[in-house]
């Protein structure tokens, strides 16, 4: 992809994925990779930041004798995702207008 990704866009994508269902880091990485080029080493700091900002909670589930850390969206995370969705709608509509050659008002 030719566009650089900002941390807010990555945060928004992570929150949108976790909003659908609680998930663990590797699976989340695979889902994010379907829409943008990101490595696990990039994603885990995002998860820690979202957890620190109380947008995500973590819990462990035993899987094949090991604990797997799951991420769950919080009420604060839902509110942040709503804000991101509103900002994205405004931003993407302006970019689409610009790319189509129309004047932005």
N, C-alpha and C. Protein backbone atom coordinates (compact mmCIF):
# COMPACT_ATOMS: atom_id res chain seq x y z
N UNK A 1 0.84 -1.18 0.00
CA UNK A 1 0.00 0.00 0.00
C UNK A 1 0.89 1.24 0.00
N UNK A 2 0.52 2.22 -0.77
CA UNK A 2 1.33 3.42 -0.90
C UNK A 2 1.08 4.41 0.22
N UNK A 3 -0.01 4.28 0.95
CA UNK A 3 -0.36 5.24 1.99
C UNK A 3 0.21 4.81 3.33
N UNK A 4 0.78 5.76 4.06
CA UNK A 4 1.25 5.50 5.41
C UNK A 4 0.05 5.47 6.36
N UNK A 5 0.07 4.56 7.28
CA UNK A 5 -1.04 4.41 8.21
C UNK A 5 -0.75 5.16 9.50
N UNK A 6 -1.68 5.96 9.93
CA UNK A 6 -1.54 6.64 11.21
C UNK A 6 -1.98 5.74 12.33
N UNK A 7 -1.53 6.06 13.53
CA UNK A 7 -1.87 5.22 14.68
C UNK A 7 -3.37 5.25 14.96
N UNK A 8 -4.03 6.37 14.72
CA UNK A 8 -5.48 6.45 14.97
C UNK A 8 -6.24 5.50 14.04
N UNK A 9 -5.83 5.41 12.79
CA UNK A 9 -6.50 4.50 11.86
C UNK A 9 -6.29 3.05 12.28
N UNK A 10 -5.10 2.72 12.70
CA UNK A 10 -4.82 1.37 13.17
C UNK A 10 -5.63 1.07 14.44
N UNK A 11 -5.67 2.02 15.37
CA UNK A 11 -6.49 1.85 16.57
C UNK A 11 -7.95 1.59 16.20
N UNK A 12 -8.47 2.39 15.26
CA UNK A 12 -9.86 2.25 14.84
C UNK A 12 -10.12 0.88 14.23
N UNK A 13 -9.21 0.40 13.41
CA UNK A 13 -9.38 -0.92 12.80
C UNK A 13 -9.38 -2.03 13.85
N UNK A 14 -8.46 -1.94 14.80
CA UNK A 14 -8.39 -2.94 15.88
C UNK A 14 -9.69 -2.92 16.69
N UNK A 15 -10.15 -1.75 17.06
CA UNK A 15 -11.39 -1.65 17.84
C UNK A 15 -12.57 -2.20 17.05
N UNK A 16 -12.64 -1.93 15.76
CA UNK A 16 -13.74 -2.43 14.93
C UNK A 16 -13.74 -3.96 14.87
N UNK A 17 -12.57 -4.55 14.79
CA UNK A 17 -12.47 -6.01 14.75
C UNK A 17 -12.87 -6.61 16.09
N UNK A 18 -12.35 -6.04 17.17
CA UNK A 18 -12.66 -6.58 18.50
C UNK A 18 -14.13 -6.33 18.86
N UNK A 19 -14.72 -5.30 18.28
CA UNK A 19 -16.15 -5.02 18.51
C UNK A 19 -17.01 -6.18 18.03
N UNK A 20 -16.60 -6.80 16.92
CA UNK A 20 -17.37 -7.93 16.37
C UNK A 20 -17.35 -9.14 17.29
N UNK A 21 -16.17 -9.41 17.86
CA UNK A 21 -16.02 -10.55 18.77
C UNK A 21 -14.70 -10.43 19.53
N UNK A 22 -14.69 -10.94 20.76
CA UNK A 22 -13.44 -11.01 21.51
C UNK A 22 -12.47 -11.86 20.68
N UNK A 23 -11.21 -11.49 20.70
CA UNK A 23 -10.25 -12.22 19.88
C UNK A 23 -8.87 -12.17 20.52
N UNK A 24 -7.97 -13.01 20.04
CA UNK A 24 -6.61 -13.05 20.55
C UNK A 24 -5.65 -12.45 19.52
N UNK A 25 -4.45 -12.14 19.98
CA UNK A 25 -3.50 -11.37 19.20
C UNK A 25 -3.19 -11.90 17.82
N UNK A 26 -2.87 -13.19 17.70
CA UNK A 26 -2.50 -13.73 16.40
C UNK A 26 -3.66 -13.64 15.41
N UNK A 27 -4.85 -14.01 15.86
CA UNK A 27 -6.03 -13.96 14.99
C UNK A 27 -6.31 -12.51 14.59
N UNK A 28 -6.18 -11.61 15.51
CA UNK A 28 -6.39 -10.19 15.24
C UNK A 28 -5.39 -9.70 14.20
N UNK A 29 -4.14 -10.10 14.34
CA UNK A 29 -3.11 -9.72 13.37
C UNK A 29 -3.49 -10.21 11.98
N UNK A 30 -3.96 -11.44 11.87
CA UNK A 30 -4.34 -11.98 10.57
C UNK A 30 -5.50 -11.21 9.96
N UNK A 31 -6.46 -10.79 10.78
CA UNK A 31 -7.59 -10.02 10.27
C UNK A 31 -7.15 -8.62 9.82
N UNK A 32 -6.30 -7.98 10.59
CA UNK A 32 -5.81 -6.65 10.21
C UNK A 32 -5.00 -6.75 8.93
N UNK A 33 -4.21 -7.81 8.76
CA UNK A 33 -3.38 -7.99 7.57
C UNK A 33 -4.23 -8.11 6.30
N UNK A 34 -5.50 -8.49 6.44
CA UNK A 34 -6.37 -8.59 5.27
C UNK A 34 -6.71 -7.21 4.70
N UNK A 35 -6.58 -6.17 5.52
CA UNK A 35 -6.92 -4.83 5.04
C UNK A 35 -5.72 -3.89 4.96
N UNK A 36 -4.65 -4.19 5.67
CA UNK A 36 -3.46 -3.35 5.62
C UNK A 36 -2.23 -4.16 5.98
N UNK A 37 -1.08 -3.67 5.56
CA UNK A 37 0.18 -4.35 5.82
C UNK A 37 0.67 -3.98 7.22
N UNK A 38 0.60 -4.94 8.14
CA UNK A 38 1.02 -4.69 9.52
C UNK A 38 1.63 -5.97 10.08
N UNK A 39 2.63 -5.82 10.91
CA UNK A 39 3.28 -6.98 11.52
C UNK A 39 2.82 -7.13 12.97
N UNK A 40 3.06 -8.30 13.53
CA UNK A 40 2.73 -8.51 14.94
C UNK A 40 3.49 -7.53 15.82
N UNK A 41 4.73 -7.23 15.45
CA UNK A 41 5.54 -6.31 16.27
C UNK A 41 4.95 -4.90 16.26
N UNK A 42 4.17 -4.57 15.25
CA UNK A 42 3.47 -3.28 15.20
C UNK A 42 2.18 -3.34 15.99
N UNK A 43 1.50 -4.47 15.91
CA UNK A 43 0.17 -4.58 16.49
C UNK A 43 0.17 -4.69 18.01
N UNK A 44 1.11 -5.40 18.60
CA UNK A 44 1.08 -5.59 20.05
C UNK A 44 1.23 -4.28 20.84
N UNK A 45 2.06 -3.35 20.40
CA UNK A 45 2.07 -2.05 21.10
C UNK A 45 0.72 -1.31 20.98
N UNK A 46 0.04 -1.49 19.87
CA UNK A 46 -1.30 -0.89 19.70
C UNK A 46 -2.25 -1.50 20.73
N UNK A 47 -2.20 -2.80 20.88
CA UNK A 47 -3.07 -3.47 21.86
C UNK A 47 -2.77 -3.00 23.27
N UNK A 48 -1.48 -2.87 23.60
CA UNK A 48 -1.11 -2.38 24.93
C UNK A 48 -1.60 -0.94 25.15
N UNK A 49 -1.45 -0.10 24.12
CA UNK A 49 -1.91 1.29 24.25
C UNK A 49 -3.43 1.35 24.44
N UNK A 50 -4.16 0.56 23.68
CA UNK A 50 -5.63 0.55 23.81
C UNK A 50 -6.04 0.01 25.18
N UNK A 51 -5.29 -0.94 25.68
CA UNK A 51 -5.56 -1.46 27.02
C UNK A 51 -5.25 -0.39 28.07
N UNK A 52 -4.14 0.29 27.93
CA UNK A 52 -3.75 1.35 28.86
C UNK A 52 -4.78 2.47 28.88
N UNK A 53 -5.35 2.78 27.69
CA UNK A 53 -6.37 3.81 27.58
C UNK A 53 -7.77 3.32 27.93
N UNK A 54 -7.84 2.10 28.42
CA UNK A 54 -9.09 1.47 28.88
C UNK A 54 -10.11 1.26 27.77
N UNK A 55 -9.61 1.12 26.55
CA UNK A 55 -10.48 0.81 25.42
C UNK A 55 -10.64 -0.71 25.26
N UNK A 56 -9.66 -1.45 25.76
CA UNK A 56 -9.69 -2.91 25.72
C UNK A 56 -9.41 -3.49 27.09
N UNK A 57 -10.03 -4.63 27.36
CA UNK A 57 -9.72 -5.43 28.54
C UNK A 57 -9.14 -6.75 28.04
N UNK A 58 -8.36 -7.41 28.88
CA UNK A 58 -7.80 -8.71 28.51
C UNK A 58 -8.24 -9.77 29.50
N UNK A 59 -8.33 -10.97 28.99
CA UNK A 59 -8.57 -12.14 29.85
C UNK A 59 -7.92 -13.34 29.17
N UNK A 60 -7.59 -14.35 29.97
CA UNK A 60 -6.90 -15.52 29.45
C UNK A 60 -7.85 -16.71 29.38
N UNK A 61 -7.66 -17.51 28.32
CA UNK A 61 -8.42 -18.74 28.12
C UNK A 61 -7.42 -19.84 27.85
N UNK A 62 -7.58 -20.97 28.52
CA UNK A 62 -6.68 -22.09 28.29
C UNK A 62 -6.97 -22.71 26.93
N UNK A 63 -5.91 -22.94 26.18
CA UNK A 63 -6.04 -23.54 24.85
C UNK A 63 -4.85 -24.47 24.64
N UNK A 64 -5.12 -25.77 24.52
CA UNK A 64 -4.08 -26.78 24.30
C UNK A 64 -3.00 -26.71 25.37
N UNK A 65 -3.41 -26.54 26.61
CA UNK A 65 -2.47 -26.53 27.72
C UNK A 65 -1.75 -25.22 27.95
N UNK A 66 -2.06 -24.21 27.15
CA UNK A 66 -1.44 -22.90 27.31
C UNK A 66 -2.54 -21.85 27.44
N UNK A 67 -2.18 -20.73 28.02
CA UNK A 67 -3.13 -19.62 28.10
C UNK A 67 -3.05 -18.76 26.85
N UNK A 68 -4.21 -18.42 26.34
CA UNK A 68 -4.30 -17.52 25.19
C UNK A 68 -4.95 -16.24 25.69
N UNK A 69 -4.30 -15.11 25.43
CA UNK A 69 -4.81 -13.81 25.89
C UNK A 69 -5.82 -13.27 24.88
N UNK A 70 -7.02 -13.03 25.37
CA UNK A 70 -8.10 -12.47 24.55
C UNK A 70 -8.30 -11.00 24.87
N UNK A 71 -8.74 -10.27 23.86
CA UNK A 71 -9.02 -8.84 24.00
C UNK A 71 -10.51 -8.62 23.83
N UNK A 72 -11.05 -7.77 24.70
CA UNK A 72 -12.47 -7.47 24.72
C UNK A 72 -12.64 -5.95 24.76
N UNK A 73 -13.55 -5.42 23.96
CA UNK A 73 -13.77 -3.98 23.92
C UNK A 73 -14.55 -3.54 25.16
N UNK A 74 -14.23 -2.38 25.67
CA UNK A 74 -14.91 -1.81 26.83
C UNK A 74 -15.90 -0.74 26.38
N UNK A 75 -16.66 -0.20 27.32
CA UNK A 75 -17.55 0.91 26.99
C UNK A 75 -16.76 2.10 26.46
N UNK A 76 -15.60 2.37 27.07
CA UNK A 76 -14.75 3.46 26.59
C UNK A 76 -14.26 3.17 25.16
N UNK A 77 -13.97 1.92 24.88
CA UNK A 77 -13.55 1.52 23.53
C UNK A 77 -14.66 1.70 22.52
N UNK A 78 -15.89 1.37 22.91
CA UNK A 78 -17.04 1.57 22.02
C UNK A 78 -17.23 3.05 21.71
N UNK A 79 -17.10 3.88 22.74
CA UNK A 79 -17.24 5.33 22.55
C UNK A 79 -16.14 5.86 21.62
N UNK A 80 -14.92 5.38 21.81
CA UNK A 80 -13.80 5.81 20.96
C UNK A 80 -14.03 5.35 19.52
N UNK A 81 -14.52 4.13 19.34
CA UNK A 81 -14.79 3.62 18.00
C UNK A 81 -15.87 4.46 17.32
N UNK A 82 -16.88 4.85 18.03
CA UNK A 82 -17.93 5.70 17.47
C UNK A 82 -17.33 7.03 16.99
N UNK A 83 -16.45 7.60 17.79
CA UNK A 83 -15.78 8.84 17.40
C UNK A 83 -14.94 8.62 16.14
N UNK A 84 -14.17 7.52 16.12
CA UNK A 84 -13.38 7.22 14.94
C UNK A 84 -14.26 7.05 13.71
N UNK A 85 -15.39 6.38 13.84
CA UNK A 85 -16.30 6.17 12.70
C UNK A 85 -16.81 7.50 12.16
N UNK A 86 -17.17 8.41 13.04
CA UNK A 86 -17.66 9.72 12.60
C UNK A 86 -16.56 10.50 11.88
N UNK A 87 -15.37 10.50 12.47
CA UNK A 87 -14.26 11.21 11.85
C UNK A 87 -13.89 10.59 10.51
N UNK A 88 -13.93 9.26 10.42
CA UNK A 88 -13.60 8.58 9.17
C UNK A 88 -14.62 8.92 8.08
N UNK A 89 -15.89 8.95 8.43
CA UNK A 89 -16.92 9.28 7.45
C UNK A 89 -16.66 10.66 6.86
N UNK A 90 -16.36 11.62 7.69
CA UNK A 90 -16.09 12.99 7.22
C UNK A 90 -14.82 13.02 6.38
N UNK A 91 -13.77 12.43 6.89
CA UNK A 91 -12.46 12.43 6.21
C UNK A 91 -12.54 11.72 4.86
N UNK A 92 -13.11 10.52 4.85
CA UNK A 92 -13.14 9.74 3.61
C UNK A 92 -14.04 10.37 2.56
N UNK A 93 -15.12 11.03 2.97
CA UNK A 93 -15.97 11.69 1.98
C UNK A 93 -15.23 12.86 1.33
N UNK A 94 -14.45 13.60 2.10
CA UNK A 94 -13.67 14.71 1.53
C UNK A 94 -12.59 14.20 0.58
N UNK A 95 -11.92 13.13 0.94
CA UNK A 95 -10.89 12.55 0.08
C UNK A 95 -11.53 12.04 -1.21
N UNK A 96 -12.68 11.39 -1.10
CA UNK A 96 -13.37 10.88 -2.29
C UNK A 96 -13.76 12.02 -3.22
N UNK A 97 -14.25 13.11 -2.65
CA UNK A 97 -14.59 14.28 -3.47
C UNK A 97 -13.35 14.82 -4.18
N UNK A 98 -12.27 14.93 -3.45
CA UNK A 98 -11.02 15.43 -4.03
C UNK A 98 -10.55 14.54 -5.17
N UNK A 99 -10.55 13.23 -4.95
CA UNK A 99 -10.09 12.29 -5.97
C UNK A 99 -11.01 12.29 -7.20
N UNK A 100 -12.29 12.57 -7.00
CA UNK A 100 -13.23 12.58 -8.12
C UNK A 100 -13.15 13.88 -8.91
N UNK A 101 -12.41 14.85 -8.41
CA UNK A 101 -12.26 16.11 -9.11
C UNK A 101 -13.28 17.16 -8.71
N UNK A 102 -14.16 16.82 -7.77
CA UNK A 102 -15.15 17.78 -7.32
C UNK A 102 -14.54 18.76 -6.31
N UNK A 103 -15.19 19.88 -6.16
CA UNK A 103 -14.74 20.88 -5.21
C UNK A 103 -15.23 20.53 -3.82
N UNK A 104 -14.33 20.66 -2.85
CA UNK A 104 -14.69 20.38 -1.45
C UNK A 104 -15.25 21.66 -0.84
N UNK A 105 -16.40 21.53 -0.23
CA UNK A 105 -17.06 22.71 0.37
C UNK A 105 -16.94 22.69 1.87
